Amino acid sequence: MLADIQRIVASSMHNRRRLFIRYNGQAHARVIEPHVLYRTPDGILALVAYQVRGYQSSARRGTFWRPFQLNRIDSISATDETFSPRIRQGYETVVVLTRGETVAKVVVSPEDYGPTHRGAPRGETSRTELSRSAQTKQGVLTDQGPLRAS
C-alpha cells in the first residue's frame, strides 16, 4: 500500500494534479497540492503539501503548508484539478527547510514565474526532479529518470 501511495503522489507531482486524501483515521477528506516527497531522518516517507480545502485538525483556517506522513494516509486519489507551484506562498523556502532526503519535488519552470519575473530558473524542462537514489527506490522511476504514470 505504501508503494502505491508513493507512486500516486509522485505521479500527481509530475502531472501537477491535486490529491484527495483521508489522513490519520479522520472521517473528513482534504484536498492538497503535493510539492516535496522526502524521507525523514528517521526513515519515514513524508510529503510537504499545500492544503487548499477540507478538514483541518488545527486552529488554522484557510490554505497552508503542512507535512503528511505517507504511512498515515488512509486513502488517496488524484483529482482532475491541476496546480502551479506555490511560489508566492513560499515553495522555495519549503524546499530548503525540508529535513531529510528529498525523493522528489515539483520543479519550477520559468513559465511558473510569469513573463515579468527576473531571475527565474533557466533550462528546466522536467516538472518533477528526483534524486538519483529515488530513481531506484520503490520502482517509482525508470533508470533514465522520467516518471511513468501508474
Protein backbone atom coordinates (compact mmCIF):
# COMPACT_ATOMS: atom_id res chain seq x y z
CA MET A 1 0.00 0.00 0.00
CA LEU A 2 2.80 2.45 0.87
CA ALA A 3 4.44 1.88 -2.53
CA ASP A 4 1.09 2.56 -4.22
CA ILE A 5 0.66 5.79 -2.26
CA GLN A 6 4.20 6.85 -3.18
CA ARG A 7 3.52 6.19 -6.88
CA ILE A 8 0.27 8.17 -6.78
CA VAL A 9 2.00 11.08 -5.03
CA ALA A 10 4.95 11.09 -7.44
CA SER A 11 2.65 10.88 -10.47
CA SER A 12 0.49 13.67 -9.08
CA MET A 13 3.56 15.85 -8.56
CA HIS A 14 4.78 15.17 -12.08
CA ASN A 15 1.38 15.95 -13.61
CA ARG A 16 0.65 18.74 -11.12
CA ARG A 17 -2.64 17.20 -10.05
CA ARG A 18 -4.27 17.88 -6.71
CA LEU A 19 -4.80 14.93 -4.40
CA PHE A 20 -7.87 13.94 -2.42
CA ILE A 21 -6.77 12.24 0.82
CA ARG A 22 -8.13 10.89 4.06
CA TYR A 23 -5.48 11.12 6.75
CA ASN A 24 -4.76 9.53 10.11
CA GLY A 25 -8.18 7.94 10.65
CA GLN A 26 -10.10 11.18 10.20
CA ALA A 27 -13.53 10.91 8.60
CA HIS A 28 -13.24 14.14 6.63
CA ALA A 29 -11.16 14.49 3.48
CA ARG A 30 -8.58 17.06 2.42
CA VAL A 31 -7.54 18.38 -0.98
CA ILE A 32 -3.81 19.01 -1.22
CA GLU A 33 -1.18 20.06 -3.75
CA PRO A 34 1.89 17.82 -3.31
CA HIS A 35 5.20 19.67 -3.66
CA VAL A 36 8.01 17.73 -1.92
CA LEU A 37 8.28 13.99 -1.26
CA TYR A 38 11.06 13.19 1.21
CA ARG A 39 12.41 10.65 3.67
CA THR A 40 12.73 11.98 7.21
CA PRO A 41 15.93 11.45 9.22
CA ASP A 42 14.02 8.58 10.90
CA GLY A 43 13.40 6.95 7.51
CA ILE A 44 9.69 7.79 7.23
CA LEU A 45 8.36 8.78 3.81
CA ALA A 46 6.61 12.12 4.06
CA LEU A 47 5.10 14.77 1.85
CA VAL A 48 5.03 18.55 2.13
CA ALA A 49 1.82 19.77 0.55
CA TYR A 50 -0.24 22.90 0.30
CA GLN A 51 -3.71 22.16 1.67
CA VAL A 52 -6.34 24.03 -0.34
CA ARG A 53 -9.55 22.77 1.26
CA GLY A 54 -11.06 20.16 3.50
CA TYR A 55 -10.59 19.02 7.07
CA GLN A 56 -8.28 20.98 9.38
CA SER A 57 -7.37 19.45 12.71
CA SER A 58 -5.71 22.62 13.97
CA ALA A 59 -6.95 26.13 14.61
CA ARG A 60 -5.54 27.24 11.24
CA ARG A 61 -8.06 28.49 8.73
CA GLY A 62 -7.68 28.91 5.02
CA THR A 63 -4.91 27.38 2.96
CA PHE A 64 -1.49 26.46 4.34
CA TRP A 65 1.63 24.28 4.06
CA ARG A 66 1.76 21.10 6.08
CA PRO A 67 3.58 17.77 6.18
CA PHE A 68 1.88 14.39 5.80
CA GLN A 69 3.45 11.03 6.63
CA LEU A 70 2.66 8.61 3.81
CA ASN A 71 2.08 5.73 6.23
CA ARG A 72 -0.79 7.69 7.80
CA ILE A 73 -2.67 8.30 4.54
CA ASP A 74 -5.77 6.09 4.67
CA SER A 75 -6.99 6.74 1.13
CA ILE A 76 -5.69 8.77 -1.79
CA SER A 77 -6.71 9.62 -5.32
CA ALA A 78 -5.63 12.17 -7.89
CA THR A 79 -8.21 14.74 -8.94
CA ASP A 80 -8.66 16.38 -12.34
CA GLU A 81 -7.70 19.72 -10.80
CA THR A 82 -4.23 20.98 -11.70
CA PHE A 83 -2.00 23.34 -9.75
CA SER A 84 1.03 25.57 -10.21
CA PRO A 85 3.90 25.61 -7.73
CA ARG A 86 3.08 27.86 -4.79
CA ILE A 87 5.93 30.30 -5.39
CA ARG A 88 4.28 33.28 -3.69
CA GLN A 89 3.33 31.11 -0.71
CA GLY A 90 6.97 30.18 -0.07
CA TYR A 91 7.59 26.98 -2.05
CA GLU A 92 11.30 27.64 -2.46
CA THR A 93 11.66 28.17 1.31
CA VAL A 94 9.74 24.95 1.99
CA VAL A 95 12.18 23.02 -0.23
CA VAL A 96 15.17 24.44 1.63
CA LEU A 97 13.70 23.76 5.07
CA THR A 98 12.62 20.17 4.37
CA ARG A 99 14.71 17.94 6.62
CA GLY A 100 15.88 14.59 5.35
CA GLU A 101 16.49 13.17 1.87
CA THR A 102 14.43 14.73 -0.89
CA VAL A 103 12.95 11.95 -3.01
CA ALA A 104 11.02 14.14 -5.46
CA LYS A 105 9.89 17.72 -5.78
CA VAL A 106 7.93 19.86 -8.18
CA VAL A 107 10.37 21.75 -10.37
CA VAL A 108 9.58 25.37 -11.05
CA SER A 109 9.84 26.35 -14.70
CA PRO A 110 10.37 29.91 -16.00
CA GLU A 111 6.72 29.99 -17.10
CA ASP A 112 5.63 29.48 -13.47
CA TYR A 113 7.13 32.85 -12.56
CA GLY A 114 5.23 34.72 -15.23
CA PRO A 115 6.59 36.92 -18.03
CA THR A 116 7.80 39.84 -15.87
CA HIS A 117 9.82 37.98 -13.22
CA ARG A 118 13.59 38.45 -13.35
CA GLY A 119 15.93 35.71 -12.25
CA ALA A 120 13.67 32.76 -12.95
CA PRO A 121 15.47 29.43 -13.33
CA ARG A 122 16.55 28.65 -16.89
CA GLY A 123 16.70 25.39 -18.79
CA GLU A 124 14.49 23.28 -16.54
CA THR A 125 12.21 21.09 -18.60
CA SER A 126 11.06 18.42 -16.17
CA ARG A 127 8.13 19.05 -13.85
CA THR A 128 9.47 16.65 -11.23
CA GLU A 129 13.04 16.39 -10.05
CA LEU A 130 14.11 13.16 -8.42
CA SER A 131 17.25 12.25 -6.58
CA ARG A 132 19.41 9.51 -8.10
CA SER A 133 18.70 7.19 -5.16
CA ALA A 134 14.96 7.79 -5.54
CA GLN A 135 15.07 6.56 -9.12
CA THR A 136 15.61 3.01 -7.96
CA LYS A 137 13.56 3.00 -4.73
CA GLN A 138 10.04 1.60 -4.81
CA GLY A 139 10.04 1.39 -8.63
CA VAL A 140 8.86 5.00 -8.93
CA LEU A 141 11.13 5.88 -11.84
CA THR A 142 12.90 4.24 -14.71
CA ASP A 143 16.69 4.27 -14.89
CA GLN A 144 16.53 7.14 -17.37
CA GLY A 145 14.72 9.32 -14.83
CA PRO A 146 11.31 10.10 -16.35
CA LEU A 147 8.34 9.24 -14.21
CA ARG A 148 5.80 6.77 -15.50
CA ALA A 149 2.22 7.37 -14.51
CA SER A 150 0.69 4.43 -12.69
